[in-house]
Amino acid sequence: MAGSSVVRDINTDMIQGSPRFIVGPDGRKSGVVLEVTQYRRLLRRIEDLEDALALDSAAQSSKRLVSYESVRERLKRSGKL
């Protein structure tokens, strides 16, 4: 499954160094402090995963997928590109 490998990559690659946690009065972890670069990298990975899931969903619900080249050629012929 492609989705699970992306999640595994996020888990193993995103946190470099020791993570810093925010601990509540009860001693339980309630948050995580990330470097800005780690945060941005994590967001990019999450967005990539969302894109992959959307593509999978579209492919499953579509009766027929049309290639980029085909769409581009049609738009050129119709004068829209």
N, C-alpha and C. Protein backbone atom coordinates (compact mmCIF):
# COMPACT_ATOMS: atom_id res chain seq x y z
N MET A 1 0.84 -1.19 0.00
CA MET A 1 0.00 0.00 0.00
C MET A 1 0.88 1.24 0.00
N ALA A 2 0.65 2.14 -0.95
CA ALA A 2 1.48 3.34 -1.06
C ALA A 2 1.27 4.27 0.13
N GLY A 3 0.04 4.41 0.59
CA GLY A 3 -0.23 5.31 1.70
C GLY A 3 0.50 4.95 2.97
N SER A 4 0.57 3.67 3.28
CA SER A 4 1.23 3.28 4.52
C SER A 4 2.73 3.51 4.44
N SER A 5 3.33 3.39 3.24
CA SER A 5 4.77 3.66 3.13
C SER A 5 5.05 5.14 3.32
N VAL A 6 4.16 6.01 2.86
CA VAL A 6 4.35 7.44 3.07
C VAL A 6 4.27 7.77 4.55
N VAL A 7 3.30 7.20 5.24
CA VAL A 7 3.16 7.44 6.68
C VAL A 7 4.41 6.94 7.40
N ARG A 8 4.94 5.80 7.01
CA ARG A 8 6.15 5.26 7.63
C ARG A 8 7.31 6.24 7.41
N ASP A 9 7.42 6.80 6.19
CA ASP A 9 8.47 7.77 5.91
C ASP A 9 8.34 8.99 6.81
N ILE A 10 7.13 9.46 7.02
CA ILE A 10 6.92 10.61 7.88
C ILE A 10 7.38 10.28 9.30
N ASN A 11 7.01 9.10 9.79
CA ASN A 11 7.37 8.73 11.15
C ASN A 11 8.87 8.63 11.35
N THR A 12 9.59 8.07 10.39
CA THR A 12 11.01 7.82 10.58
C THR A 12 11.90 8.98 10.15
N ASP A 13 11.46 9.79 9.20
CA ASP A 13 12.32 10.83 8.64
C ASP A 13 12.07 12.22 9.20
N MET A 14 10.92 12.46 9.77
CA MET A 14 10.55 13.82 10.11
C MET A 14 11.20 14.35 11.38
N ILE A 15 11.36 13.54 12.36
CA ILE A 15 11.90 14.01 13.63
C ILE A 15 13.38 13.69 13.68
N GLN A 16 14.20 14.73 13.54
CA GLN A 16 15.64 14.55 13.62
C GLN A 16 16.09 15.16 14.93
N GLY A 17 16.89 14.44 15.68
CA GLY A 17 17.28 14.91 17.01
C GLY A 17 16.23 14.50 18.02
N SER A 18 16.36 15.04 19.19
CA SER A 18 15.41 14.70 20.26
C SER A 18 14.18 15.58 20.16
N PRO A 19 12.99 14.96 20.05
CA PRO A 19 11.78 15.78 20.03
C PRO A 19 11.57 16.44 21.39
N ARG A 20 11.00 17.64 21.36
CA ARG A 20 10.70 18.36 22.60
C ARG A 20 9.19 18.34 22.81
N PHE A 21 8.78 17.92 23.98
CA PHE A 21 7.36 17.78 24.29
C PHE A 21 6.93 18.84 25.29
N ILE A 22 5.67 19.24 25.17
CA ILE A 22 5.03 20.08 26.18
C ILE A 22 4.30 19.13 27.12
N VAL A 23 4.57 19.25 28.40
CA VAL A 23 4.00 18.34 29.39
C VAL A 23 3.03 19.13 30.27
N GLY A 24 1.83 18.58 30.42
CA GLY A 24 0.82 19.22 31.24
C GLY A 24 1.06 19.01 32.72
N PRO A 25 0.25 19.64 33.56
CA PRO A 25 0.41 19.53 35.01
C PRO A 25 0.27 18.09 35.52
N ASP A 26 -0.43 17.26 34.73
CA ASP A 26 -0.61 15.87 35.15
C ASP A 26 0.56 14.98 34.71
N GLY A 27 1.56 15.57 34.03
CA GLY A 27 2.73 14.82 33.60
C GLY A 27 2.58 14.14 32.24
N ARG A 28 1.43 14.31 31.60
CA ARG A 28 1.19 13.70 30.29
C ARG A 28 1.62 14.65 29.18
N LYS A 29 2.16 14.09 28.11
CA LYS A 29 2.56 14.89 26.96
C LYS A 29 1.31 15.48 26.30
N SER A 30 1.34 16.79 26.06
CA SER A 30 0.17 17.43 25.47
C SER A 30 0.51 18.17 24.17
N GLY A 31 1.79 18.22 23.80
CA GLY A 31 2.17 18.90 22.57
C GLY A 31 3.61 18.60 22.22
N VAL A 32 3.99 19.02 21.01
CA VAL A 32 5.35 18.81 20.51
C VAL A 32 5.85 20.12 19.93
N VAL A 33 7.12 20.43 20.20
CA VAL A 33 7.75 21.62 19.63
C VAL A 33 8.64 21.14 18.49
N LEU A 34 8.44 21.71 17.29
CA LEU A 34 9.23 21.35 16.12
C LEU A 34 10.01 22.56 15.63
N GLU A 35 11.15 22.31 15.01
CA GLU A 35 11.86 23.36 14.31
C GLU A 35 11.00 23.77 13.12
N VAL A 36 11.12 25.01 12.66
CA VAL A 36 10.32 25.49 11.54
C VAL A 36 10.58 24.64 10.29
N THR A 37 11.82 24.27 10.06
CA THR A 37 12.13 23.44 8.88
C THR A 37 11.48 22.07 8.98
N GLN A 38 11.45 21.50 10.17
CA GLN A 38 10.79 20.21 10.37
C GLN A 38 9.29 20.35 10.13
N TYR A 39 8.71 21.43 10.65
CA TYR A 39 7.28 21.68 10.48
C TYR A 39 6.92 21.81 9.00
N ARG A 40 7.70 22.59 8.26
CA ARG A 40 7.43 22.77 6.82
C ARG A 40 7.59 21.46 6.06
N ARG A 41 8.61 20.68 6.41
CA ARG A 41 8.82 19.39 5.75
C ARG A 41 7.64 18.46 6.04
N LEU A 42 7.18 18.47 7.27
CA LEU A 42 6.04 17.64 7.65
C LEU A 42 4.79 18.06 6.87
N LEU A 43 4.55 19.37 6.76
CA LEU A 43 3.40 19.85 5.99
C LEU A 43 3.48 19.40 4.53
N ARG A 44 4.68 19.51 3.93
CA ARG A 44 4.84 19.07 2.54
C ARG A 44 4.51 17.59 2.39
N ARG A 45 5.00 16.79 3.33
CA ARG A 45 4.73 15.35 3.25
C ARG A 45 3.24 15.06 3.42
N ILE A 46 2.60 15.76 4.32
CA ILE A 46 1.15 15.56 4.53
C ILE A 46 0.38 15.96 3.28
N GLU A 47 0.76 17.09 2.67
CA GLU A 47 0.10 17.53 1.45
C GLU A 47 0.30 16.53 0.32
N ASP A 48 1.50 15.96 0.22
CA ASP A 48 1.76 14.94 -0.79
C ASP A 48 0.89 13.71 -0.56
N LEU A 49 0.75 13.32 0.70
CA LEU A 49 -0.09 12.18 1.04
C LEU A 49 -1.55 12.46 0.69
N GLU A 50 -2.03 13.67 1.01
CA GLU A 50 -3.41 14.04 0.67
C GLU A 50 -3.62 14.00 -0.84
N ASP A 51 -2.63 14.48 -1.61
CA ASP A 51 -2.73 14.44 -3.07
C ASP A 51 -2.81 13.00 -3.57
N ALA A 52 -1.97 12.13 -3.01
CA ALA A 52 -1.98 10.73 -3.42
C ALA A 52 -3.31 10.06 -3.09
N LEU A 53 -3.86 10.37 -1.92
CA LEU A 53 -5.15 9.80 -1.54
C LEU A 53 -6.27 10.32 -2.44
N ALA A 54 -6.22 11.62 -2.79
CA ALA A 54 -7.23 12.19 -3.69
C ALA A 54 -7.14 11.54 -5.07
N LEU A 55 -5.93 11.32 -5.55
CA LEU A 55 -5.75 10.67 -6.85
C LEU A 55 -6.29 9.24 -6.81
N ASP A 56 -5.99 8.51 -5.74
CA ASP A 56 -6.52 7.14 -5.60
C ASP A 56 -8.04 7.15 -5.60
N SER A 57 -8.62 8.09 -4.88
CA SER A 57 -10.08 8.19 -4.80
C SER A 57 -10.67 8.52 -6.17
N ALA A 58 -10.05 9.46 -6.89
CA ALA A 58 -10.54 9.82 -8.22
C ALA A 58 -10.41 8.65 -9.18
N ALA A 59 -9.31 7.92 -9.09
CA ALA A 59 -9.10 6.78 -9.98
C ALA A 59 -10.13 5.69 -9.72
N GLN A 60 -10.49 5.49 -8.46
CA GLN A 60 -11.47 4.46 -8.13
C GLN A 60 -12.88 4.85 -8.55
N SER A 61 -13.20 6.15 -8.48
CA SER A 61 -14.55 6.58 -8.80
C SER A 61 -14.72 6.94 -10.27
N SER A 62 -13.64 7.08 -11.00
CA SER A 62 -13.71 7.45 -12.40
C SER A 62 -13.91 6.22 -13.28
N LYS A 63 -14.70 6.40 -14.30
CA LYS A 63 -14.88 5.31 -15.24
C LYS A 63 -13.73 5.27 -16.23
N ARG A 64 -13.14 6.45 -16.49
CA ARG A 64 -12.06 6.51 -17.46
C ARG A 64 -11.16 7.69 -17.14
N LEU A 65 -9.87 7.44 -16.99
CA LEU A 65 -8.91 8.51 -16.77
C LEU A 65 -8.37 8.97 -18.11
N VAL A 66 -8.11 10.27 -18.24
CA VAL A 66 -7.59 10.84 -19.47
C VAL A 66 -6.20 11.36 -19.18
N SER A 67 -5.26 11.04 -20.04
CA SER A 67 -3.88 11.46 -19.82
C SER A 67 -3.73 12.96 -19.99
N TYR A 68 -2.70 13.49 -19.36
CA TYR A 68 -2.39 14.92 -19.47
C TYR A 68 -2.18 15.30 -20.94
N GLU A 69 -1.44 14.48 -21.66
CA GLU A 69 -1.14 14.77 -23.06
C GLU A 69 -2.42 14.85 -23.89
N SER A 70 -3.34 13.96 -23.63
CA SER A 70 -4.61 13.94 -24.35
C SER A 70 -5.42 15.21 -24.08
N VAL A 71 -5.49 15.60 -22.82
CA VAL A 71 -6.23 16.82 -22.46
C VAL A 71 -5.57 18.04 -23.09
N ARG A 72 -4.25 18.10 -23.03
CA ARG A 72 -3.51 19.23 -23.62
C ARG A 72 -3.77 19.32 -25.13
N GLU A 73 -3.74 18.19 -25.82
CA GLU A 73 -3.98 18.17 -27.26
C GLU A 73 -5.39 18.64 -27.59
N ARG A 74 -6.37 18.17 -26.81
CA ARG A 74 -7.76 18.61 -27.02
C ARG A 74 -7.91 20.11 -26.83
N LEU A 75 -7.26 20.65 -25.78
CA LEU A 75 -7.34 22.08 -25.53
C LEU A 75 -6.67 22.88 -26.65
N LYS A 76 -5.58 22.38 -27.18
CA LYS A 76 -4.90 23.04 -28.31
C LYS A 76 -5.81 23.07 -29.52
N ARG A 77 -6.43 21.93 -29.84
CA ARG A 77 -7.31 21.85 -31.01
C ARG A 77 -8.51 22.77 -30.89
N SER A 78 -8.99 22.96 -29.67
CA SER A 78 -10.17 23.82 -29.48
C SER A 78 -9.79 25.28 -29.31
N GLY A 79 -8.49 25.58 -29.36
CA GLY A 79 -8.02 26.97 -29.27
C GLY A 79 -8.01 27.53 -27.86
N LYS A 80 -8.13 26.69 -26.86
CA LYS A 80 -8.14 27.16 -25.47
C LYS A 80 -6.75 27.14 -24.84
N LEU A 81 -5.78 26.66 -25.61
CA LEU A 81 -4.42 26.60 -25.09
C LEU A 81 -3.43 27.01 -26.16
